[in-house]
PDB file of N, CA and C in Angstrom:
ATOM      1  N   MET A   1     129.646  78.753 100.266  1.00  0.00           N
ATOM      2  CA  MET A   1     128.349  79.722 100.241  1.00  0.00           C
ATOM      3  C   MET A   1     127.294  79.020  99.782  1.00  0.00           C
ATOM      4  N   SER A   2     126.154  79.258 100.335  1.00  0.00           N
ATOM      5  CA  SER A   2     124.906  78.507 100.094  1.00  0.00           C
ATOM      6  C   SER A   2     124.378  78.830  98.707  1.00  0.00           C
ATOM      7  N   ASP A   3     123.485  78.026  97.957  1.00  0.00           N
ATOM      8  CA  ASP A   3     122.941  78.333  96.853  1.00  0.00           C
ATOM      9  C   ASP A   3     122.243  79.668  96.923  1.00  0.00           C
ATOM     10  N   GLN A   4     121.542  79.757  98.083  1.00  0.00           N
ATOM     11  CA  GLN A   4     120.591  81.147  98.413  1.00  0.00           C
ATOM     12  C   GLN A   4     121.522  82.200  98.321  1.00  0.00           C
ATOM     13  N   SER A   5     122.538  82.353  99.169  1.00  0.00           N
ATOM     14  CA  SER A   5     123.335  83.469  99.235  1.00  0.00           C
ATOM     15  C   SER A   5     124.076  83.835  97.933  1.00  0.00           C
ATOM     16  N   GLU A   6     124.383  82.740  97.155  1.00  0.00           N
ATOM     17  CA  GLU A   6     124.903  83.042  95.922  1.00  0.00           C
ATOM     18  C   GLU A   6     124.014  83.705  94.959  1.00  0.00           C
ATOM     19  N   GLU A   7     122.726  83.161  94.981  1.00  0.00           N
ATOM     20  CA  GLU A   7     121.692  83.733  94.186  1.00  0.00           C
ATOM     21  C   GLU A   7     121.633  85.324  94.449  1.00  0.00           C
ATOM     22  N   VAL A   8     121.398  85.539  95.865  1.00  0.00           N
ATOM     23  CA  VAL A   8     121.350  87.078  96.209  1.00  0.00           C
ATOM     24  C   VAL A   8     122.514  87.761  95.719  1.00  0.00           C
ATOM     25  N   ARG A   9     123.711  87.333  95.960  1.00  0.00           N
ATOM     26  CA  ARG A   9     124.956  88.001  95.359  1.00  0.00           C
ATOM     27  C   ARG A   9     124.845  88.290  94.175  1.00  0.00           C
ATOM     28  N   ARG A  10     124.301  87.400  93.125  1.00  0.00           N
ATOM     29  CA  ARG A  10     124.196  87.426  91.839  1.00  0.00           C
ATOM     30  C   ARG A  10     123.149  88.641  91.411  1.00  0.00           C
ATOM     31  N   VAL A  11     122.106  88.707  92.251  1.00  0.00           N
ATOM     32  CA  VAL A  11     121.051  89.701  91.962  1.00  0.00           C
ATOM     33  C   VAL A  11     121.652  91.092  92.259  1.00  0.00           C
ATOM     34  N   ARG A  12     122.278  91.174  93.515  1.00  0.00           N
ATOM     35  CA  ARG A  12     122.795  92.464  93.757  1.00  0.00           C
ATOM     36  C   ARG A  12     123.724  93.043  92.655  1.00  0.00           C
ATOM     37  N   GLU A  13     124.678  92.113  92.095  1.00  0.00           N
ATOM     38  CA  GLU A  13     125.572  92.415  91.254  1.00  0.00           C
ATOM     39  C   GLU A  13     124.973  92.937  89.829  1.00  0.00           C
ATOM     40  N   ALA A  14     123.827  92.384  89.547  1.00  0.00           N
ATOM     41  CA  ALA A  14     123.090  92.782  88.394  1.00  0.00           C
ATOM     42  C   ALA A  14     122.465  94.022  88.697  1.00  0.00           C
ATOM     43  N   PHE A  15     121.888  94.399  89.683  1.00  0.00           N
ATOM     44  CA  PHE A  15     121.385  95.494  89.796  1.00  0.00           C
ATOM     45  C   PHE A  15     122.391  96.677  89.849  1.00  0.00           C
ATOM     46  N   ALA A  16     123.534  96.266  90.528  1.00  0.00           N
ATOM     47  CA  ALA A  16     124.716  97.202  90.518  1.00  0.00           C
ATOM     48  C   ALA A  16     125.247  97.604  89.074  1.00  0.00           C
ATOM     49  N   ALA A  17     125.154  96.653  88.198  1.00  0.00           N
ATOM     50  CA  ALA A  17     125.679  97.020  86.900  1.00  0.00           C
ATOM     51  C   ALA A  17     124.582  97.697  86.027  1.00  0.00           C
ATOM     52  N   VAL A  18     123.378  97.560  86.307  1.00  0.00           N
ATOM     53  CA  VAL A  18     122.405  98.282  85.520  1.00  0.00           C
ATOM     54  C   VAL A  18     122.626  99.828  85.356  1.00  0.00           C
ATOM     55  N   ALA A  19     123.150 100.385  86.388  1.00  0.00           N
ATOM     56  CA  ALA A  19     123.238 101.950  86.330  1.00  0.00           C
ATOM     57  C   ALA A  19     124.858 102.448  86.372  1.00  0.00           C
ATOM     58  N   VAL A  20     125.557 101.495  86.336  1.00  0.00           N
ATOM     59  CA  VAL A  20     126.952 102.070  86.300  1.00  0.00           C
ATOM     60  C   VAL A  20     127.196 103.312  85.236  1.00  0.00           C
ATOM     61  N   ASN A  21     128.024 104.088  85.645  1.00  0.00           N
ATOM     62  CA  ASN A  21     128.254 105.210  84.952  1.00  0.00           C
ATOM     63  C   ASN A  21     127.246 106.132  84.365  1.00  0.00           C
ATOM     64  N   ALA A  22     126.206 106.103  84.837  1.00  0.00           N
ATOM     65  CA  ALA A  22     125.012 106.931  84.447  1.00  0.00           C
ATOM     66  C   ALA A  22     124.793 108.003  85.287  1.00  0.00           C
ATOM     67  N   PRO A  23     124.097 109.319  85.010  1.00  0.00           N
ATOM     68  CA  PRO A  23     123.785 110.167  85.853  1.00  0.00           C
ATOM     69  C   PRO A  23     122.962 109.841  86.671  1.00  0.00           C
ATOM     70  N   PRO A  24     122.708 110.454  87.982  1.00  0.00           N
ATOM     71  CA  PRO A  24     121.679 110.063  89.097  1.00  0.00           C
ATOM     72  C   PRO A  24     120.251 109.692  88.505  1.00  0.00           C
ATOM     73  N   ALA A  25     119.721 110.760  87.794  1.00  0.00           N
ATOM     74  CA  ALA A  25     118.451 110.605  87.314  1.00  0.00           C
ATOM     75  C   ALA A  25     118.238 109.348  86.412  1.00  0.00           C
ATOM     76  N   GLU A  26     119.177 109.264  85.657  1.00  0.00           N
ATOM     77  CA  GLU A  26     119.241 108.019  84.645  1.00  0.00           C
ATOM     78  C   GLU A  26     119.421 106.656  85.322  1.00  0.00           C
ATOM     79  N   ARG A  27     120.308 106.742  86.335  1.00  0.00           N
ATOM     80  CA  ARG A  27     120.461 105.455  87.218  1.00  0.00           C
ATOM     81  C   ARG A  27     119.110 105.142  87.941  1.00  0.00           C
ATOM     82  N   ALA A  28     118.365 106.130  88.416  1.00  0.00           N
ATOM     83  CA  ALA A  28     117.252 105.869  89.062  1.00  0.00           C
ATOM     84  C   ALA A  28     116.155 105.242  88.229  1.00  0.00           C
ATOM     85  N   ARG A  29     116.022 105.953  86.943  1.00  0.00           N
ATOM     86  CA  ARG A  29     115.231 105.375  85.952  1.00  0.00           C
ATOM     87  C   ARG A  29     115.471 103.900  85.585  1.00  0.00           C
ATOM     88  N   ARG A  30     116.808 103.627  85.245  1.00  0.00           N
ATOM     89  CA  ARG A  30     117.268 102.320  85.041  1.00  0.00           C
ATOM     90  C   ARG A  30     116.920 101.274  86.189  1.00  0.00           C
ATOM     91  N   LEU A  31     117.199 101.573  87.423  1.00  0.00           N
ATOM     92  CA  LEU A  31     117.002 100.873  88.605  1.00  0.00           C
ATOM     93  C   LEU A  31     115.513 100.587  88.615  1.00  0.00           C
ATOM     94  N   ASP A  32     114.696 101.659  88.467  1.00  0.00           N
ATOM     95  CA  ASP A  32     113.194 101.415  88.594  1.00  0.00           C
ATOM     96  C   ASP A  32     112.773 100.338  87.522  1.00  0.00           C
ATOM     97  N   ALA A  33     113.195 100.541  86.397  1.00  0.00           N
ATOM     98  CA  ALA A  33     112.867  99.732  85.352  1.00  0.00           C
ATOM     99  C   ALA A  33     113.253  98.123  85.567  1.00  0.00           C
ATOM    100  N   ALA A  34     114.354  97.920  85.989  1.00  0.00           N
ATOM    101  CA  ALA A  34     115.047  96.746  86.385  1.00  0.00           C
ATOM    102  C   ALA A  34     114.234  95.969  87.471  1.00  0.00           C
ATOM    103  N   MET A  35     113.844  96.844  88.508  1.00  0.00           N
ATOM    104  CA  MET A  35     113.073  96.380  89.692  1.00  0.00           C
ATOM    105  C   MET A  35     111.673  95.891  89.250  1.00  0.00           C
ATOM    106  N   ASP A  36     111.131  96.650  88.420  1.00  0.00           N
ATOM    107  CA  ASP A  36     109.785  96.419  87.986  1.00  0.00           C
ATOM    108  C   ASP A  36     109.810  95.095  87.093  1.00  0.00           C
ATOM    109  N   ALA A  37     110.767  94.882  86.397  1.00  0.00           N
ATOM    110  CA  ALA A  37     110.967  93.740  85.578  1.00  0.00           C
ATOM    111  C   ALA A  37     111.270  92.532  86.499  1.00  0.00           C
ATOM    112  N   ALA A  38     112.038  92.706  87.490  1.00  0.00           N
ATOM    113  CA  ALA A  38     112.405  91.634  88.342  1.00  0.00           C
ATOM    114  C   ALA A  38     111.214  91.219  89.137  1.00  0.00           C
ATOM    115  N   ARG A  39     110.381  92.130  89.484  1.00  0.00           N
ATOM    116  CA  ARG A  39     109.189  91.789  90.377  1.00  0.00           C
ATOM    117  C   ARG A  39     108.213  91.138  89.617  1.00  0.00           C
ATOM    118  N   GLU A  40     107.876  91.490  88.403  1.00  0.00           N
ATOM    119  CA  GLU A  40     107.057  90.723  87.580  1.00  0.00           C
ATOM    120  C   GLU A  40     107.434  89.285  87.462  1.00  0.00           C
ATOM    121  N   GLU A  41     108.791  89.097  87.043  1.00  0.00           N
ATOM    122  CA  GLU A  41     109.314  87.713  86.879  1.00  0.00           C
ATOM    123  C   GLU A  41     109.159  86.909  88.109  1.00  0.00           C
ATOM    124  N   TRP A  42     109.574  87.586  89.278  1.00  0.00           N
ATOM    125  CA  TRP A  42     109.410  86.896  90.640  1.00  0.00           C
ATOM    126  C   TRP A  42     107.822  86.481  90.855  1.00  0.00           C
ATOM    127  N   ARG A  43     106.943  87.337  90.413  1.00  0.00           N
ATOM    128  CA  ARG A  43     105.499  87.139  90.672  1.00  0.00           C
ATOM    129  C   ARG A  43     105.204  85.906  89.970  1.00  0.00           C
ATOM    130  N   ARG A  44     105.620  85.915  88.562  1.00  0.00           N
ATOM    131  CA  ARG A  44     105.132  84.655  87.668  1.00  0.00           C
ATOM    132  C   ARG A  44     105.685  83.406  88.151  1.00  0.00           C
ATOM    133  N   GLU A  45     106.873  83.410  88.582  1.00  0.00           N
ATOM    134  CA  GLU A  45     107.667  82.243  89.174  1.00  0.00           C
ATOM    135  C   GLU A  45     107.045  81.570  90.305  1.00  0.00           C
ATOM    136  N   ARG A  46     106.822  82.588  91.266  1.00  0.00           N
ATOM    137  CA  ARG A  46     106.035  82.308  92.434  1.00  0.00           C
ATOM    138  C   ARG A  46     104.742  81.743  92.102  1.00  0.00           C
ATOM    139  N   GLN A  47     103.985  82.250  91.260  1.00  0.00           N
ATOM    140  CA  GLN A  47     102.588  81.669  90.873  1.00  0.00           C
ATOM    141  C   GLN A  47     102.749  80.325  90.390  1.00  0.00           C
ATOM    142  N   LYS A  48     103.873  80.112  89.413  1.00  0.00           N
ATOM    143  CA  LYS A  48     104.097  78.962  88.719  1.00  0.00           C
ATOM    144  C   LYS A  48     104.373  77.787  89.725  1.00  0.00           C
ATOM    145  N   VAL A  49     105.094  78.153  90.750  1.00  0.00           N
ATOM    146  CA  VAL A  49     105.528  76.959  91.831  1.00  0.00           C
ATOM    147  C   VAL A  49     104.325  76.699  92.561  1.00  0.00           C
ATOM    148  N   ALA A  50     103.562  77.761  92.940  1.00  0.00           N
ATOM    149  CA  ALA A  50     102.367  77.490  93.851  1.00  0.00           C
ATOM    150  C   ALA A  50     101.386  76.618  92.994  1.00  0.00           C
ATOM    151  N   GLN A  51     101.265  76.840  91.684  1.00  0.00           N
ATOM    152  CA  GLN A  51     100.231  76.102  90.868  1.00  0.00           C
ATOM    153  C   GLN A  51     100.886  74.657  90.619  1.00  0.00           C
ATOM    154  N   GLU A  52     102.221  74.578  90.541  1.00  0.00           N
ATOM    155  CA  GLU A  52     102.739  73.107  90.355  1.00  0.00           C
ATOM    156  C   GLU A  52     102.351  72.530  91.685  1.00  0.00           C
ATOM    157  N   MET A  53     102.528  73.007  92.852  1.00  0.00           N
ATOM    158  CA  MET A  53     102.221  72.378  94.237  1.00  0.00           C
ATOM    159  C   MET A  53     100.832  71.976  94.280  1.00  0.00           C
ATOM    160  N   SER A  54      99.917  72.970  93.849  1.00  0.00           N
ATOM    161  CA  SER A  54      98.466  72.668  93.713  1.00  0.00           C
ATOM    162  C   SER A  54      98.119  71.485  92.842  1.00  0.00           C
ATOM    163  N   ASP A  55      98.779  71.443  91.589  1.00  0.00           N
ATOM    164  CA  ASP A  55      98.478  70.438  90.529  1.00  0.00           C
ATOM    165  C   ASP A  55      98.955  69.104  91.109  1.00  0.00           C
ATOM    166  N   SER A  56      99.955  69.106  92.074  1.00  0.00           N
ATOM    167  CA  SER A  56     100.561  67.877  92.705  1.00  0.00           C
ATOM    168  C   SER A  56      99.677  67.294  93.637  1.00  0.00           C
ATOM    169  N   GLY A  57      98.474  68.129  93.993  1.00  0.00           N
ATOM    170  CA  GLY A  57      97.633  67.596  94.951  1.00  0.00           C
ATOM    171  C   GLY A  57      97.584  68.119  96.315  1.00  0.00           C
ATOM    172  N   MET A  58      98.676  69.018  96.508  1.00  0.00           N
ATOM    173  CA  MET A  58      98.852  69.682  97.954  1.00  0.00           C
ATOM    174  C   MET A  58      97.562  70.784  98.014  1.00  0.00           C
ATOM    175  N   SER A  59      97.047  70.720  99.410  1.00  0.00           N
ATOM    176  CA  SER A  59      95.930  71.803  99.700  1.00  0.00           C
ATOM    177  C   SER A  59      96.599  73.108  99.730  1.00  0.00           C
ATOM    178  N   TYR A  60      95.808  74.228  99.763  1.00  0.00           N
ATOM    179  CA  TYR A  60      96.246  75.536  99.944  1.00  0.00           C
ATOM    180  C   TYR A  60      96.827  75.583 101.336  1.00  0.00           C
ATOM    181  N   ARG A  61      96.258  75.091 102.234  1.00  0.00           N
ATOM    182  CA  ARG A  61      97.004  75.060 103.605  1.00  0.00           C
ATOM    183  C   ARG A  61      98.511  74.402 103.636  1.00  0.00           C
ATOM    184  N   GLU A  62      98.595  73.255 102.819  1.00  0.00           N
ATOM    185  CA  GLU A  62      99.832  72.689 102.823  1.00  0.00           C
ATOM    186  C   GLU A  62     100.949  73.567 102.023  1.00  0.00           C
ATOM    187  N   ILE A  63     100.366  74.167 100.942  1.00  0.00           N
ATOM    188  CA  ILE A  63     101.286  75.095 100.123  1.00  0.00           C
ATOM    189  C   ILE A  63     101.618  76.193 100.963  1.00  0.00           C
ATOM    190  N   ALA A  64     100.708  76.642 101.840  1.00  0.00           N
ATOM    191  CA  ALA A  64     100.979  77.901 102.576  1.00  0.00           C
ATOM    192  C   ALA A  64     102.160  77.498 103.738  1.00  0.00           C
ATOM    193  N   LYS A  65     101.963  76.455 104.207  1.00  0.00           N
ATOM    194  CA  LYS A  65     102.918  76.031 105.084  1.00  0.00           C
ATOM    195  C   LYS A  65     104.458  75.902 104.440  1.00  0.00           C
ATOM    196  N   GLU A  66     104.517  75.325 103.286  1.00  0.00           N
ATOM    197  CA  GLU A  66     105.722  75.052 102.582  1.00  0.00           C
ATOM    198  C   GLU A  66     106.318  76.416 102.214  1.00  0.00           C
ATOM    199  N   MET A  67     105.545  77.180 101.624  1.00  0.00           N
ATOM    200  CA  MET A  67     106.035  78.581 101.347  1.00  0.00           C
ATOM    201  C   MET A  67     106.315  79.562 102.292  1.00  0.00           C
ATOM    202  N   GLY A  68     105.745  79.216 103.576  1.00  0.00           N
ATOM    203  CA  GLY A  68     105.802  80.145 104.675  1.00  0.00           C
ATOM    204  C   GLY A  68     105.144  81.384 104.535  1.00  0.00           C
ATOM    205  N   ILE A  69     103.898  81.152 104.118  1.00  0.00           N
ATOM    206  CA  ILE A  69     102.846  82.295 103.890  1.00  0.00           C
ATOM    207  C   ILE A  69     101.375  81.757 104.411  1.00  0.00           C
ATOM    208  N   SER A  70     100.458  82.833 104.191  1.00  0.00           N
ATOM    209  CA  SER A  70      99.297  82.411 104.868  1.00  0.00           C
ATOM    210  C   SER A  70      98.357  81.789 103.779  1.00  0.00           C
ATOM    211  N   PHE A  71      97.480  81.129 104.220  1.00  0.00           N
ATOM    212  CA  PHE A  71      96.523  80.454 103.374  1.00  0.00           C
ATOM    213  C   PHE A  71      95.852  81.517 102.253  1.00  0.00           C
ATOM    214  N   GLY A  72      95.467  82.526 102.969  1.00  0.00           N
ATOM    215  CA  GLY A  72      94.842  83.661 102.150  1.00  0.00           C
ATOM    216  C   GLY A  72      95.771  84.036 100.987  1.00  0.00           C
ATOM    217  N   ARG A  73      97.093  84.194 101.443  1.00  0.00           N
ATOM    218  CA  ARG A  73      97.989  84.689 100.541  1.00  0.00           C
ATOM    219  C   ARG A  73      98.165  83.678  99.309  1.00  0.00           C
ATOM    220  N   VAL A  74      98.178  82.416  99.616  1.00  0.00           N
ATOM    221  CA  VAL A  74      98.245  81.333  98.587  1.00  0.00           C
ATOM    222  C   VAL A  74      96.934  81.462  97.801  1.00  0.00           C
ATOM    223  N   ARG A  75      95.790  81.702  98.072  1.00  0.00           N
ATOM    224  CA  ARG A  75      94.711  81.995  97.228  1.00  0.00           C
ATOM    225  C   ARG A  75      94.765  83.164  96.437  1.00  0.00           C
ATOM    226  N   GLN A  76      95.403  84.168  96.996  1.00  0.00           N
ATOM    227  CA  GLN A  76      95.607  85.433  96.088  1.00  0.00           C
ATOM    228  C   GLN A  76      96.547  85.100  95.044  1.00  0.00           C
ATOM    229  N   ILE A  77      97.636  84.480  95.432  1.00  0.00           N
ATOM    230  CA  ILE A  77      98.722  84.070  94.348  1.00  0.00           C
ATOM    231  C   ILE A  77      98.209  83.282  93.215  1.00  0.00           C
ATOM    232  N   LEU A  78      97.399  82.422  93.665  1.00  0.00           N
ATOM    233  CA  LEU A  78      96.812  81.482  92.610  1.00  0.00           C
ATOM    234  C   LEU A  78      95.807  82.161  91.819  1.00  0.00           C
ATOM    235  N   ALA A  79      95.069  83.183  92.360  1.00  0.00           N
ATOM    236  CA  ALA A  79      93.933  83.845  91.687  1.00  0.00           C
ATOM    237  C   ALA A  79      94.506  84.876  90.725  1.00  0.00           C
ATOM    238  N   GLU A  80      95.716  85.303  90.870  1.00  0.00           N
ATOM    239  CA  GLU A  80      96.239  86.630  90.258  1.00  0.00           C
ATOM    240  C   GLU A  80      96.155  86.381  88.735  1.00  0.00           C
ATOM    241  N   ASP A  81      95.748  87.495  88.119  1.00  0.00           N
ATOM    242  CA  ASP A  81      95.781  87.336  86.686  1.00  0.00           C
ATOM    243  C   ASP A  81      97.069  88.038  86.147  1.00  0.00           C
ATOM    244  N   LEU A  82      98.213  87.486  85.983  1.00  0.00           N
ATOM    245  CA  LEU A  82      99.402  88.199  85.800  1.00  0.00           C
ATOM    246  C   LEU A  82      99.625  88.549  84.312  1.00  0.00           C
ATOM    247  N   ASP A  83      98.463  88.344  83.508  1.00  0.00           N
ATOM    248  CA  ASP A  83      98.530  89.073  82.163  1.00  0.00           C
ATOM    249  C   ASP A  83      97.911  90.446  82.110  1.00  0.00           C
ATOM    250  N   ALA A  84      97.170  90.753  83.222  1.00  0.00           N
ATOM    251  CA  ALA A  84      96.482  91.931  83.332  1.00  0.00           C
ATOM    252  C   ALA A  84      97.526  93.013  83.651  1.00  0.00           C
ATOM    253  N   LYS A  85      97.297  94.346  83.072  1.00  0.00           N
ATOM    254  CA  LYS A  85      98.387  95.248  83.373  1.00  0.00           C
ATOM    255  C   LYS A  85      97.873  95.981  84.812  1.00  0.00           C
ATOM    256  N   PRO A  86      99.132  96.125  85.439  1.00  0.00           N
ATOM    257  CA  PRO A  86      98.885  96.622  86.846  1.00  0.00           C
ATOM    258  C   PRO A  86      98.565  97.959  86.746  1.00  0.00           C
ATOM    259  N   SER A  87      97.561  98.531  87.683  1.00  0.00           N
ATOM    260  CA  SER A  87      97.243  99.840  87.775  1.00  0.00           C
ATOM    261  C   SER A  87      98.310 100.721  88.011  1.00  0.00           C
ATOM    262  N   GLU A  88      98.219 101.957  87.520  1.00  0.00           N
ATOM    263  CA  GLU A  88      99.187 103.176  87.721  1.00  0.00           C
ATOM    264  C   GLU A  88      98.868 103.660  89.127  1.00  0.00           C
ATOM    265  N   GLU A  89      99.969 104.007  89.826  1.00  0.00           N
ATOM    266  CA  GLU A  89      99.730 104.685  91.250  1.00  0.00           C
ATOM    267  C   GLU A  89      99.570 106.139  91.057  1.00  0.00           C
TER     268      GLU A  89
END
């Protein structure tokens, strides 16, 4: 099993464990909270990686190619203020 598929398996198991034996509404709340926390951690790590690449001298275009995203998305990621509170929908 590749490292990536092992990571995916562990994430799936972790999400499944979040809401075991809870009523549906409570499971939904727990899963939403876990997803929000995971999303925020993922955003921070992605920004850290992009910043490390930039600090090593890579251009935004090079970073975009390596990450498989657009140049504009690299700019957005590096410009994000992750300490700011997200707006409520």
